[in-house]
Structure formats: structure tokens, C-alpha cells
Amino acid sequence: MTAFRFANEKDASRYTLHKGSDLVSVLDYRDDGRTIALTRAYTIPTFRGHGYAGQVVARAVAEIEERGDRVVSPVCWYVADWFEANPGHDELLAPRRAS
């Protein structure tokens, strides 16, 4: 069984998920010191359909929760859908601004 490796590549402002030596999924973000905007979840096309985007989002959310010093703005539709499907993490969401 091939091991997975999750990393926060701060210099590139992205979380990554590798399966063995292969990069399988990326979650881009912007961090302003208070809020982390999760801007784009992307899975390499040859690895799609295996839930890797969900894994990278779940691991990123777990890391952000553990740090406890940021809230999340789910800019990416996939991330917003992930939060909707995982309501136990709602306290991590940044308050929505009135339009």
C-alpha cells in the first residue's frame, strides 16, 4: 500500500497531498493572519475520482483547527460544499458579510 503525505507548503500558499512520490491534490489558500481563504481545490486529472480533494481539504481543516488562530473563508465551491457536508466544523467558518 502506498503511503500518503500531506504538507502545508507555506512558501507556495498551498496544502498538498502526495501518494508515494506523486502529487495527487492541491488546496491553494491566502492567509492574512486572521482568516485563511481556501481558494482552489484541485486534483491532478489522472487521480480524480478517488476522494483526494476531500482528503486534502479535511487534513487542511484539521491543521487549521489544531492551530486555533485562524478562521476559514471557503472561497472555492468545493471547499464550501465540504463544509456543508461536514457541519461539525462550522465554528471554524469566518462570519459572512452582508451584501
Protein backbone atom coordinates (compact mmCIF):
# COMPACT_ATOMS: atom_id res chain seq x y z
CA MET A 1 0.00 0.00 0.00
CA THR A 2 1.34 3.40 -0.98
CA ALA A 3 1.65 5.96 1.81
CA PHE A 4 0.08 9.40 1.64
CA ARG A 5 1.95 12.56 2.61
CA PHE A 6 0.19 15.81 3.48
CA ALA A 7 2.10 19.09 3.63
CA ASN A 8 1.49 22.78 4.16
CA GLU A 9 3.78 24.45 1.63
CA LYS A 10 3.69 27.91 3.17
CA ASP A 11 6.05 29.45 0.60
CA ALA A 12 3.62 28.43 -2.16
CA SER A 13 0.46 29.11 -0.09
CA ARG A 14 -0.91 25.64 -0.67
CA TYR A 15 -1.60 22.35 1.03
CA THR A 16 -0.59 19.27 -0.92
CA LEU A 17 -1.39 15.58 -0.84
CA HIS A 18 1.08 13.10 -2.32
CA LYS A 19 0.56 9.40 -2.88
CA GLY A 20 4.04 7.99 -2.80
CA SER A 21 6.07 10.35 -4.97
CA ASP A 22 3.03 11.53 -6.99
CA LEU A 23 1.32 14.85 -6.29
CA VAL A 24 -2.38 13.98 -6.36
CA SER A 25 -4.22 17.02 -4.97
CA VAL A 26 -3.63 20.68 -4.06
CA LEU A 27 -5.54 23.19 -1.96
CA ASP A 28 -4.49 26.81 -2.57
CA TYR A 29 -5.01 29.44 0.11
CA ARG A 30 -4.47 33.07 1.12
CA ASP A 31 -3.64 33.79 4.76
CA ASP A 32 -3.98 37.35 6.08
CA GLY A 33 -3.08 36.47 9.67
CA ARG A 34 -6.71 36.19 10.82
CA THR A 35 -8.50 34.38 8.01
CA ILE A 36 -7.38 31.63 5.68
CA ALA A 37 -9.25 31.87 2.38
CA LEU A 38 -9.29 28.40 0.80
CA THR A 39 -9.35 29.46 -2.82
CA ARG A 40 -8.98 26.37 -5.03
CA ALA A 41 -9.08 22.62 -4.56
CA TYR A 42 -7.57 20.75 -7.48
CA THR A 43 -6.86 17.10 -8.18
CA ILE A 44 -4.49 16.06 -10.94
CA PRO A 45 -6.77 14.65 -13.69
CA THR A 46 -5.28 11.13 -13.69
CA PHE A 47 -6.05 10.85 -9.94
CA ARG A 48 -9.63 12.16 -9.97
CA GLY A 49 -12.49 10.10 -8.64
CA HIS A 50 -10.71 8.76 -5.54
CA GLY A 51 -11.68 11.42 -2.98
CA TYR A 52 -8.25 13.05 -2.82
CA ALA A 53 -9.63 16.62 -2.90
CA GLY A 54 -11.79 15.74 0.10
CA GLN A 55 -8.76 14.32 1.88
CA VAL A 56 -6.62 17.41 1.32
CA VAL A 57 -9.46 19.68 2.49
CA ALA A 58 -10.13 17.54 5.59
CA ARG A 59 -6.45 17.48 6.52
CA ALA A 60 -6.09 21.23 5.97
CA VAL A 61 -9.15 21.95 8.10
CA ALA A 62 -7.80 19.67 10.84
CA GLU A 63 -4.47 21.54 10.80
CA ILE A 64 -6.20 24.94 10.92
CA GLU A 65 -8.42 23.78 13.79
CA GLU A 66 -5.42 22.45 15.70
CA ARG A 67 -3.59 25.77 15.35
CA GLY A 68 -6.70 27.55 16.58
CA ASP A 69 -5.64 31.04 15.48
CA ARG A 70 -7.49 31.42 12.16
CA VAL A 71 -10.98 31.22 10.71
CA VAL A 72 -11.71 29.89 7.24
CA SER A 73 -13.31 31.60 4.27
CA PRO A 74 -14.38 28.86 1.82
CA VAL A 75 -13.91 30.76 -1.45
CA CYS A 76 -13.71 27.58 -3.55
CA TRP A 77 -17.08 25.95 -4.28
CA TYR A 78 -15.66 22.52 -3.44
CA VAL A 79 -14.49 23.71 -0.02
CA ALA A 80 -17.89 25.35 0.63
CA ASP A 81 -19.59 22.05 -0.27
CA TRP A 82 -17.18 20.16 2.02
CA PHE A 83 -18.13 22.40 4.96
CA GLU A 84 -21.82 21.91 4.16
CA ALA A 85 -21.32 18.13 4.20
CA ASN A 86 -19.25 18.30 7.43
CA PRO A 87 -21.24 20.63 9.72
CA GLY A 88 -19.14 19.73 12.77
CA HIS A 89 -16.60 22.29 11.59
CA ASP A 90 -18.92 25.29 11.27
CA GLU A 91 -17.30 27.12 14.19
CA LEU A 92 -14.20 27.48 12.03
CA LEU A 93 -16.00 29.47 9.33
CA ALA A 94 -15.47 33.21 9.10
CA PRO A 95 -18.64 35.24 9.57
CA ARG A 96 -20.33 36.08 6.27
CA ARG A 97 -20.54 39.71 5.32
CA ALA A 98 -23.90 41.17 4.41
CA SER A 99 -24.16 42.02 0.71
